[in-house]
Amino acid sequence: MAEVGFNYQPTPDSPWSFDLNMRGYAGEREGASFNVQATYTF
């Protein structure tokens, strides 16, 4: 199993935060999963 991700936190100039993840599986069970989340803080 391998996982790669990116996380962007809100700053004083931008209230947006983003979280992106990708996970891959190999072996007896093969596959991949993706997750994307965006948040606006006010």
PDB file of N, CA and C in Angstrom:
ATOM      1  N   MET A   1       0.854  -1.164   0.000  1.00  0.00           N
ATOM      2  CA  MET A   1       0.000   0.000   0.000  1.00  0.00           C
ATOM      3  C   MET A   1       0.905   1.233   0.000  1.00  0.00           C
ATOM      4  N   ALA A   2       0.533   2.236  -0.796  1.00  0.00           N
ATOM      5  CA  ALA A   2       1.248   3.517  -0.834  1.00  0.00           C
ATOM      6  C   ALA A   2       0.225   4.641  -0.799  1.00  0.00           C
ATOM      7  N   GLU A   3       0.609   5.752  -0.182  1.00  0.00           N
ATOM      8  CA  GLU A   3      -0.302   6.891  -0.064  1.00  0.00           C
ATOM      9  C   GLU A   3       0.469   8.179  -0.327  1.00  0.00           C
ATOM     10  N   VAL A   4      -0.174   9.078  -1.088  1.00  0.00           N
ATOM     11  CA  VAL A   4       0.386  10.392  -1.384  1.00  0.00           C
ATOM     12  C   VAL A   4      -0.694  11.419  -1.085  1.00  0.00           C
ATOM     13  N   GLY A   5      -0.303  12.538  -0.470  1.00  0.00           N
ATOM     14  CA  GLY A   5      -1.300  13.536  -0.132  1.00  0.00           C
ATOM     15  C   GLY A   5      -0.763  14.948  -0.201  1.00  0.00           C
ATOM     16  N   PHE A   6      -1.687  15.895  -0.254  1.00  0.00           N
ATOM     17  CA  PHE A   6      -1.382  17.320  -0.266  1.00  0.00           C
ATOM     18  C   PHE A   6      -2.385  18.008   0.646  1.00  0.00           C
ATOM     19  N   ASN A   7      -1.888  18.887   1.520  1.00  0.00           N
ATOM     20  CA  ASN A   7      -2.755  19.590   2.449  1.00  0.00           C
ATOM     21  C   ASN A   7      -2.394  21.071   2.410  1.00  0.00           C
ATOM     22  N   TYR A   8      -3.377  21.924   2.111  1.00  0.00           N
ATOM     23  CA  TYR A   8      -3.199  23.376   2.081  1.00  0.00           C
ATOM     24  C   TYR A   8      -4.068  23.976   3.169  1.00  0.00           C
ATOM     25  N   GLN A   9      -3.452  24.695   4.089  1.00  0.00           N
ATOM     26  CA  GLN A   9      -4.166  25.290   5.215  1.00  0.00           C
ATOM     27  C   GLN A   9      -4.562  26.730   4.904  1.00  0.00           C
ATOM     28  N   PRO A  10      -5.642  27.243   5.505  1.00  0.00           N
ATOM     29  CA  PRO A  10      -6.047  28.623   5.275  1.00  0.00           C
ATOM     30  C   PRO A  10      -4.986  29.606   5.780  1.00  0.00           C
ATOM     31  N   THR A  11      -4.914  30.750   5.099  1.00  0.00           N
ATOM     32  CA  THR A  11      -3.996  31.820   5.477  1.00  0.00           C
ATOM     33  C   THR A  11      -4.825  33.084   5.729  1.00  0.00           C
ATOM     34  N   PRO A  12      -4.225  34.128   6.258  1.00  0.00           N
ATOM     35  CA  PRO A  12      -4.978  35.387   6.438  1.00  0.00           C
ATOM     36  C   PRO A  12      -5.510  35.953   5.115  1.00  0.00           C
ATOM     37  N   ASP A  13      -4.850  35.633   3.991  1.00  0.00           N
ATOM     38  CA  ASP A  13      -5.283  36.126   2.680  1.00  0.00           C
ATOM     39  C   ASP A  13      -6.325  35.234   2.005  1.00  0.00           C
ATOM     40  N   SER A  14      -6.367  33.959   2.381  1.00  0.00           N
ATOM     41  CA  SER A  14      -7.283  33.009   1.739  1.00  0.00           C
ATOM     42  C   SER A  14      -7.951  32.126   2.790  1.00  0.00           C
ATOM     43  N   PRO A  15      -9.279  32.114   2.876  1.00  0.00           N
ATOM     44  CA  PRO A  15      -9.973  31.296   3.870  1.00  0.00           C
ATOM     45  C   PRO A  15     -10.169  29.835   3.432  1.00  0.00           C
ATOM     46  N   TRP A  16      -9.657  29.458   2.276  1.00  0.00           N
ATOM     47  CA  TRP A  16      -9.839  28.106   1.750  1.00  0.00           C
ATOM     48  C   TRP A  16      -8.791  27.144   2.290  1.00  0.00           C
ATOM     49  N   SER A  17      -9.207  25.910   2.530  1.00  0.00           N
ATOM     50  CA  SER A  17      -8.272  24.820   2.825  1.00  0.00           C
ATOM     51  C   SER A  17      -8.622  23.643   1.913  1.00  0.00           C
ATOM     52  N   PHE A  18      -7.603  22.913   1.493  1.00  0.00           N
ATOM     53  CA  PHE A  18      -7.765  21.779   0.583  1.00  0.00           C
ATOM     54  C   PHE A  18      -7.022  20.578   1.128  1.00  0.00           C
ATOM     55  N   ASP A  19      -7.586  19.413   0.942  1.00  0.00           N
ATOM     56  CA  ASP A  19      -6.954  18.162   1.335  1.00  0.00           C
ATOM     57  C   ASP A  19      -7.155  17.169   0.200  1.00  0.00           C
ATOM     58  N   LEU A  20      -6.069  16.715  -0.412  1.00  0.00           N
ATOM     59  CA  LEU A  20      -6.108  15.755  -1.525  1.00  0.00           C
ATOM     60  C   LEU A  20      -5.311  14.532  -1.128  1.00  0.00           C
ATOM     61  N   ASN A  21      -5.862  13.340  -1.351  1.00  0.00           N
ATOM     62  CA  ASN A  21      -5.181  12.089  -1.026  1.00  0.00           C
ATOM     63  C   ASN A  21      -5.390  11.065  -2.132  1.00  0.00           C
ATOM     64  N   MET A  22      -4.359  10.288  -2.391  1.00  0.00           N
ATOM     65  CA  MET A  22      -4.450   9.164  -3.324  1.00  0.00           C
ATOM     66  C   MET A  22      -3.772   7.968  -2.667  1.00  0.00           C
ATOM     67  N   ARG A  23      -4.454   6.845  -2.690  1.00  0.00           N
ATOM     68  CA  ARG A  23      -3.953   5.625  -2.065  1.00  0.00           C
ATOM     69  C   ARG A  23      -4.005   4.493  -3.088  1.00  0.00           C
ATOM     70  N   GLY A  24      -2.927   3.731  -3.184  1.00  0.00           N
ATOM     71  CA  GLY A  24      -2.868   2.606  -4.118  1.00  0.00           C
ATOM     72  C   GLY A  24      -2.584   1.304  -3.388  1.00  0.00           C
ATOM     73  N   TYR A  25      -3.194   0.240  -3.871  1.00  0.00           N
ATOM     74  CA  TYR A  25      -3.055  -1.082  -3.268  1.00  0.00           C
ATOM     75  C   TYR A  25      -2.508  -2.045  -4.311  1.00  0.00           C
ATOM     76  N   ALA A  26      -1.608  -2.922  -3.902  1.00  0.00           N
ATOM     77  CA  ALA A  26      -1.079  -3.949  -4.798  1.00  0.00           C
ATOM     78  C   ALA A  26      -0.990  -5.258  -4.016  1.00  0.00           C
ATOM     79  N   GLY A  27      -0.942  -6.341  -4.753  1.00  0.00           N
ATOM     80  CA  GLY A  27      -0.867  -7.647  -4.111  1.00  0.00           C
ATOM     81  C   GLY A  27      -2.108  -8.463  -4.427  1.00  0.00           C
ATOM     82  N   GLU A  28      -2.618  -9.184  -3.418  1.00  0.00           N
ATOM     83  CA  GLU A  28      -3.787 -10.033  -3.617  1.00  0.00           C
ATOM     84  C   GLU A  28      -5.011  -9.204  -4.021  1.00  0.00           C
ATOM     85  N   ARG A  29      -5.160  -8.043  -3.416  1.00  0.00           N
ATOM     86  CA  ARG A  29      -6.233  -7.103  -3.790  1.00  0.00           C
ATOM     87  C   ARG A  29      -5.583  -5.833  -4.342  1.00  0.00           C
ATOM     88  N   GLU A  30      -5.881  -5.515  -5.592  1.00  0.00           N
ATOM     89  CA  GLU A  30      -5.307  -4.336  -6.229  1.00  0.00           C
ATOM     90  C   GLU A  30      -6.373  -3.277  -6.428  1.00  0.00           C
ATOM     91  N   GLY A  31      -5.981  -2.011  -6.338  1.00  0.00           N
ATOM     92  CA  GLY A  31      -6.937  -0.940  -6.562  1.00  0.00           C
ATOM     93  C   GLY A  31      -6.373   0.393  -6.137  1.00  0.00           C
ATOM     94  N   ALA A  32      -7.217   1.401  -6.200  1.00  0.00           N
ATOM     95  CA  ALA A  32      -6.814   2.752  -5.818  1.00  0.00           C
ATOM     96  C   ALA A  32      -8.025   3.482  -5.253  1.00  0.00           C
ATOM     97  N   SER A  33      -7.750   4.466  -4.411  1.00  0.00           N
ATOM     98  CA  SER A  33      -8.814   5.321  -3.897  1.00  0.00           C
ATOM     99  C   SER A  33      -8.322   6.763  -3.898  1.00  0.00           C
ATOM    100  N   PHE A  34      -9.284   7.686  -4.050  1.00  0.00           N
ATOM    101  CA  PHE A  34      -8.969   9.099  -4.107  1.00  0.00           C
ATOM    102  C   PHE A  34      -9.908   9.847  -3.161  1.00  0.00           C
ATOM    103  N   ASN A  35      -9.400  10.902  -2.562  1.00  0.00           N
ATOM    104  CA  ASN A  35     -10.195  11.715  -1.667  1.00  0.00           C
ATOM    105  C   ASN A  35      -9.855  13.183  -1.913  1.00  0.00           C
ATOM    106  N   VAL A  36     -10.870  14.018  -2.090  1.00  0.00           N
ATOM    107  CA  VAL A  36     -10.683  15.457  -2.270  1.00  0.00           C
ATOM    108  C   VAL A  36     -11.650  16.177  -1.339  1.00  0.00           C
ATOM    109  N   GLN A  37     -11.127  17.137  -0.574  1.00  0.00           N
ATOM    110  CA  GLN A  37     -11.970  17.900   0.329  1.00  0.00           C
ATOM    111  C   GLN A  37     -11.557  19.366   0.258  1.00  0.00           C
ATOM    112  N   ALA A  38     -12.534  20.259   0.129  1.00  0.00           N
ATOM    113  CA  ALA A  38     -12.303  21.694   0.145  1.00  0.00           C
ATOM    114  C   ALA A  38     -13.187  22.305   1.222  1.00  0.00           C
ATOM    115  N   THR A  39     -12.619  23.225   2.004  1.00  0.00           N
ATOM    116  CA  THR A  39     -13.347  23.861   3.090  1.00  0.00           C
ATOM    117  C   THR A  39     -13.160  25.381   3.025  1.00  0.00           C
ATOM    118  N   TYR A  40     -14.252  26.108   3.174  1.00  0.00           N
ATOM    119  CA  TYR A  40     -14.214  27.573   3.240  1.00  0.00           C
ATOM    120  C   TYR A  40     -14.537  27.980   4.667  1.00  0.00           C
ATOM    121  N   THR A  41     -13.602  28.644   5.335  1.00  0.00           N
ATOM    122  CA  THR A  41     -13.786  29.047   6.729  1.00  0.00           C
ATOM    123  C   THR A  41     -14.126  30.518   6.803  1.00  0.00           C
ATOM    124  N   PHE A  42     -15.198  30.841   7.513  1.00  0.00           N
ATOM    125  CA  PHE A  42     -15.576  32.249   7.661  1.00  0.00           C
ATOM    126  C   PHE A  42     -15.870  32.564   9.102  1.00  0.00           C
TER     127      PHE A  42
END
